[in-house]
Amino acid sequence: MNELVQADIFFFITSIAVILVAGLFATLLVYLIKVLRDAKDISHRIKQEMVAIADDLTDLRANLREHGTKLSSLADIIKDLSAKKTSRPRNKKIK
């Protein structure tokens, strides 16, 4: 009879442990599902932004092809201005 009581106590404790572990597992699974949904949303937004960036770069390349000479002229002017600034002699102070 004593062994039957010990077996009942063992199964009772084991049942409680299994229920606790299953509850913990279910809770972790719910949080994992939430994290994966957020990751999916973030990756979808990143994909949309990458498409927008690619479209912007395509437009930029088209504009550079159309107005490339204007930009090269502007770059030459800026280069000339920066060269003039560096070629000026320094004024030395006389004590």
N, C-alpha and C. Protein backbone atom coordinates (compact mmCIF):
# COMPACT_ATOMS: atom_id res chain seq x y z
N MET A 1 0.82 -1.19 0.00
CA MET A 1 0.00 0.00 0.00
C MET A 1 0.86 1.25 0.00
N ASN A 2 1.98 1.17 0.69
CA ASN A 2 2.90 2.29 0.78
C ASN A 2 3.47 2.64 -0.60
N GLU A 3 3.74 1.61 -1.42
CA GLU A 3 4.27 1.85 -2.76
C GLU A 3 3.22 2.50 -3.64
N LEU A 4 1.96 2.19 -3.44
CA LEU A 4 0.89 2.79 -4.23
C LEU A 4 0.76 4.28 -3.93
N VAL A 5 0.92 4.67 -2.67
CA VAL A 5 0.87 6.08 -2.28
C VAL A 5 2.08 6.81 -2.86
N GLN A 6 3.25 6.20 -2.83
CA GLN A 6 4.44 6.82 -3.40
C GLN A 6 4.29 7.01 -4.91
N ALA A 7 3.69 6.04 -5.60
CA ALA A 7 3.47 6.13 -7.04
C ALA A 7 2.49 7.26 -7.34
N ASP A 8 1.43 7.37 -6.53
CA ASP A 8 0.46 8.45 -6.74
C ASP A 8 1.11 9.82 -6.55
N ILE A 9 1.93 9.94 -5.52
CA ILE A 9 2.63 11.22 -5.27
C ILE A 9 3.58 11.54 -6.43
N PHE A 10 4.30 10.52 -6.91
CA PHE A 10 5.23 10.70 -8.03
C PHE A 10 4.48 11.18 -9.27
N PHE A 11 3.38 10.54 -9.63
CA PHE A 11 2.62 10.92 -10.80
C PHE A 11 1.97 12.30 -10.64
N PHE A 12 1.56 12.64 -9.42
CA PHE A 12 0.99 13.96 -9.17
C PHE A 12 2.04 15.04 -9.39
N ILE A 13 3.23 14.84 -8.84
CA ILE A 13 4.32 15.83 -9.00
C ILE A 13 4.76 15.89 -10.46
N THR A 14 4.82 14.76 -11.12
CA THR A 14 5.21 14.73 -12.54
C THR A 14 4.18 15.45 -13.39
N SER A 15 2.90 15.25 -13.08
CA SER A 15 1.84 15.92 -13.84
C SER A 15 1.93 17.43 -13.69
N ILE A 16 2.18 17.91 -12.48
CA ILE A 16 2.33 19.35 -12.25
C ILE A 16 3.53 19.90 -13.00
N ALA A 17 4.64 19.14 -12.99
CA ALA A 17 5.85 19.59 -13.69
C ALA A 17 5.60 19.65 -15.20
N VAL A 18 4.91 18.66 -15.74
CA VAL A 18 4.62 18.65 -17.17
C VAL A 18 3.72 19.83 -17.54
N ILE A 19 2.72 20.12 -16.71
CA ILE A 19 1.83 21.25 -16.97
C ILE A 19 2.60 22.56 -16.93
N LEU A 20 3.49 22.72 -15.96
CA LEU A 20 4.30 23.95 -15.87
C LEU A 20 5.23 24.11 -17.07
N VAL A 21 5.88 23.02 -17.47
CA VAL A 21 6.78 23.08 -18.61
C VAL A 21 5.99 23.37 -19.89
N ALA A 22 4.82 22.76 -20.05
CA ALA A 22 3.99 23.02 -21.24
C ALA A 22 3.52 24.48 -21.25
N GLY A 23 3.15 25.03 -20.10
CA GLY A 23 2.75 26.43 -20.03
C GLY A 23 3.90 27.36 -20.39
N LEU A 24 5.08 27.05 -19.88
CA LEU A 24 6.27 27.85 -20.20
C LEU A 24 6.58 27.78 -21.70
N PHE A 25 6.49 26.57 -22.25
CA PHE A 25 6.74 26.39 -23.67
C PHE A 25 5.72 27.16 -24.51
N ALA A 26 4.46 27.12 -24.12
CA ALA A 26 3.42 27.84 -24.86
C ALA A 26 3.66 29.35 -24.79
N THR A 27 4.05 29.85 -23.63
CA THR A 27 4.34 31.28 -23.48
C THR A 27 5.52 31.69 -24.37
N LEU A 28 6.56 30.89 -24.35
CA LEU A 28 7.72 31.19 -25.20
C LEU A 28 7.35 31.12 -26.67
N LEU A 29 6.49 30.20 -27.04
CA LEU A 29 6.06 30.08 -28.42
C LEU A 29 5.27 31.30 -28.87
N VAL A 30 4.41 31.83 -27.99
CA VAL A 30 3.64 33.04 -28.32
C VAL A 30 4.59 34.22 -28.55
N TYR A 31 5.57 34.39 -27.67
CA TYR A 31 6.53 35.49 -27.84
C TYR A 31 7.37 35.30 -29.11
N LEU A 32 7.73 34.08 -29.41
CA LEU A 32 8.50 33.81 -30.63
C LEU A 32 7.69 34.15 -31.87
N ILE A 33 6.40 33.83 -31.86
CA ILE A 33 5.54 34.16 -32.99
C ILE A 33 5.44 35.68 -33.16
N LYS A 34 5.33 36.42 -32.06
CA LYS A 34 5.27 37.88 -32.13
C LYS A 34 6.56 38.45 -32.72
N VAL A 35 7.69 37.93 -32.28
CA VAL A 35 8.98 38.41 -32.78
C VAL A 35 9.11 38.11 -34.27
N LEU A 36 8.70 36.94 -34.69
CA LEU A 36 8.80 36.58 -36.10
C LEU A 36 7.87 37.44 -36.97
N ARG A 37 6.70 37.79 -36.45
CA ARG A 37 5.81 38.68 -37.19
C ARG A 37 6.43 40.06 -37.34
N ASP A 38 7.03 40.55 -36.27
CA ASP A 38 7.70 41.86 -36.35
C ASP A 38 8.86 41.82 -37.34
N ALA A 39 9.62 40.74 -37.32
CA ALA A 39 10.74 40.60 -38.26
C ALA A 39 10.23 40.57 -39.69
N LYS A 40 9.11 39.92 -39.90
CA LYS A 40 8.52 39.86 -41.24
C LYS A 40 8.09 41.25 -41.70
N ASP A 41 7.46 42.01 -40.80
CA ASP A 41 7.05 43.38 -41.14
C ASP A 41 8.25 44.26 -41.45
N ILE A 42 9.29 44.13 -40.65
CA ILE A 42 10.50 44.94 -40.86
C ILE A 42 11.15 44.59 -42.19
N SER A 43 11.24 43.30 -42.50
CA SER A 43 11.86 42.92 -43.77
C SER A 43 11.01 43.38 -44.95
N HIS A 44 9.70 43.41 -44.79
CA HIS A 44 8.83 43.90 -45.87
C HIS A 44 9.05 45.40 -46.09
N ARG A 45 9.18 46.16 -45.00
CA ARG A 45 9.44 47.60 -45.13
C ARG A 45 10.80 47.86 -45.76
N ILE A 46 11.79 47.07 -45.37
CA ILE A 46 13.13 47.23 -45.94
C ILE A 46 13.09 46.96 -47.44
N LYS A 47 12.34 45.93 -47.84
CA LYS A 47 12.23 45.61 -49.25
C LYS A 47 11.59 46.75 -50.02
N GLN A 48 10.54 47.36 -49.46
CA GLN A 48 9.90 48.50 -50.12
C GLN A 48 10.86 49.67 -50.25
N GLU A 49 11.62 49.95 -49.21
CA GLU A 49 12.58 51.07 -49.26
C GLU A 49 13.69 50.79 -50.26
N MET A 50 14.13 49.55 -50.35
CA MET A 50 15.18 49.22 -51.32
C MET A 50 14.68 49.42 -52.75
N VAL A 51 13.42 49.08 -53.00
CA VAL A 51 12.84 49.32 -54.33
C VAL A 51 12.78 50.82 -54.60
N ALA A 52 12.40 51.60 -53.59
CA ALA A 52 12.34 53.06 -53.77
C ALA A 52 13.74 53.64 -54.03
N ILE A 53 14.73 53.14 -53.32
CA ILE A 53 16.11 53.61 -53.53
C ILE A 53 16.59 53.25 -54.93
N ALA A 54 16.26 52.04 -55.37
CA ALA A 54 16.66 51.63 -56.72
C ALA A 54 16.00 52.52 -57.77
N ASP A 55 14.74 52.87 -57.56
CA ASP A 55 14.06 53.78 -58.49
C ASP A 55 14.71 55.16 -58.49
N ASP A 56 15.06 55.64 -57.29
CA ASP A 56 15.73 56.95 -57.21
C ASP A 56 17.08 56.93 -57.92
N LEU A 57 17.82 55.85 -57.75
CA LEU A 57 19.12 55.76 -58.42
C LEU A 57 18.96 55.69 -59.94
N THR A 58 17.92 55.01 -60.40
CA THR A 58 17.64 54.96 -61.83
C THR A 58 17.34 56.36 -62.36
N ASP A 59 16.52 57.11 -61.62
CA ASP A 59 16.23 58.49 -62.02
C ASP A 59 17.48 59.35 -61.99
N LEU A 60 18.33 59.16 -60.99
CA LEU A 60 19.57 59.93 -60.89
C LEU A 60 20.48 59.65 -62.08
N ARG A 61 20.60 58.37 -62.44
CA ARG A 61 21.44 58.03 -63.59
C ARG A 61 20.88 58.64 -64.87
N ALA A 62 19.56 58.64 -65.02
CA ALA A 62 18.96 59.24 -66.22
C ALA A 62 19.22 60.74 -66.25
N ASN A 63 19.11 61.39 -65.09
CA ASN A 63 19.39 62.84 -65.03
C ASN A 63 20.85 63.13 -65.30
N LEU A 64 21.74 62.28 -64.82
CA LEU A 64 23.16 62.49 -65.09
C LEU A 64 23.47 62.33 -66.57
N ARG A 65 22.80 61.40 -67.22
CA ARG A 65 23.02 61.24 -68.66
C ARG A 65 22.52 62.46 -69.42
N GLU A 66 21.38 63.01 -69.00
CA GLU A 66 20.81 64.17 -69.69
C GLU A 66 21.60 65.44 -69.40
N HIS A 67 21.98 65.63 -68.15
CA HIS A 67 22.59 66.90 -67.73
C HIS A 67 24.03 66.69 -67.26
N GLY A 68 24.71 65.73 -67.81
CA GLY A 68 26.07 65.43 -67.39
C GLY A 68 27.04 66.54 -67.66
N THR A 69 26.87 67.24 -68.77
CA THR A 69 27.80 68.32 -69.11
C THR A 69 27.64 69.48 -68.14
N LYS A 70 26.44 69.73 -67.69
CA LYS A 70 26.23 70.80 -66.72
C LYS A 70 26.92 70.46 -65.40
N LEU A 71 26.80 69.21 -64.99
CA LEU A 71 27.43 68.81 -63.73
C LEU A 71 28.94 68.82 -63.83
N SER A 72 29.47 68.41 -64.97
CA SER A 72 30.93 68.44 -65.10
C SER A 72 31.44 69.87 -65.11
N SER A 73 30.68 70.79 -65.70
CA SER A 73 31.07 72.20 -65.67
C SER A 73 31.04 72.73 -64.25
N LEU A 74 30.01 72.35 -63.50
CA LEU A 74 29.92 72.78 -62.11
C LEU A 74 31.07 72.21 -61.29
N ALA A 75 31.43 70.97 -61.56
CA ALA A 75 32.56 70.35 -60.84
C ALA A 75 33.86 71.07 -61.17
N ASP A 76 34.04 71.47 -62.43
CA ASP A 76 35.25 72.22 -62.81
C ASP A 76 35.31 73.57 -62.11
N ILE A 77 34.18 74.24 -62.00
CA ILE A 77 34.14 75.55 -61.33
C ILE A 77 34.50 75.38 -59.85
N ILE A 78 33.94 74.38 -59.23
CA ILE A 78 34.25 74.15 -57.80
C ILE A 78 35.71 73.79 -57.63
N LYS A 79 36.26 73.01 -58.54
CA LYS A 79 37.67 72.63 -58.46
C LYS A 79 38.56 73.86 -58.64
N ASP A 80 38.20 74.72 -59.55
CA ASP A 80 38.99 75.95 -59.77
C ASP A 80 38.94 76.86 -58.54
N LEU A 81 37.77 76.97 -57.93
CA LEU A 81 37.66 77.81 -56.74
C LEU A 81 38.47 77.26 -55.58
N SER A 82 38.46 75.96 -55.41
CA SER A 82 39.23 75.38 -54.31
C SER A 82 40.73 75.49 -54.59
N ALA A 83 41.14 75.44 -55.84
CA ALA A 83 42.56 75.59 -56.19
C ALA A 83 43.02 77.01 -55.92
N LYS A 84 42.16 77.99 -56.16
CA LYS A 84 42.53 79.38 -55.89
C LYS A 84 42.68 79.63 -54.41
N LYS A 85 41.87 79.00 -53.61
CA LYS A 85 41.99 79.19 -52.16
C LYS A 85 43.30 78.63 -51.64
N THR A 86 43.74 77.51 -52.14
CA THR A 86 44.96 76.91 -51.64
C THR A 86 46.21 77.56 -52.21
N SER A 87 46.11 78.27 -53.32
CA SER A 87 47.30 78.86 -53.94
C SER A 87 47.63 80.23 -53.39
N ARG A 88 46.77 80.81 -52.54
CA ARG A 88 47.08 82.14 -51.98
C ARG A 88 48.22 82.01 -50.98
N PRO A 89 49.16 82.95 -51.02
CA PRO A 89 50.27 82.90 -50.05
C PRO A 89 49.77 83.36 -48.67
N ARG A 90 50.41 82.83 -47.67
CA ARG A 90 50.06 83.21 -46.29
C ARG A 90 50.72 84.53 -45.94
N ASN A 91 50.00 85.31 -45.18
CA ASN A 91 50.56 86.56 -44.69
C ASN A 91 51.26 86.28 -43.37
N LYS A 92 52.54 86.64 -43.31
CA LYS A 92 53.29 86.43 -42.07
C LYS A 92 53.24 87.72 -41.27
N LYS A 93 53.04 87.53 -39.99
CA LYS A 93 53.01 88.70 -39.11
C LYS A 93 54.43 89.13 -38.80
N ILE A 94 54.66 90.44 -38.85
CA ILE A 94 55.97 91.00 -38.54
C ILE A 94 55.92 91.55 -37.13
N LYS A 95 56.87 91.13 -36.33
CA LYS A 95 56.92 91.58 -34.94
C LYS A 95 57.88 92.72 -34.77
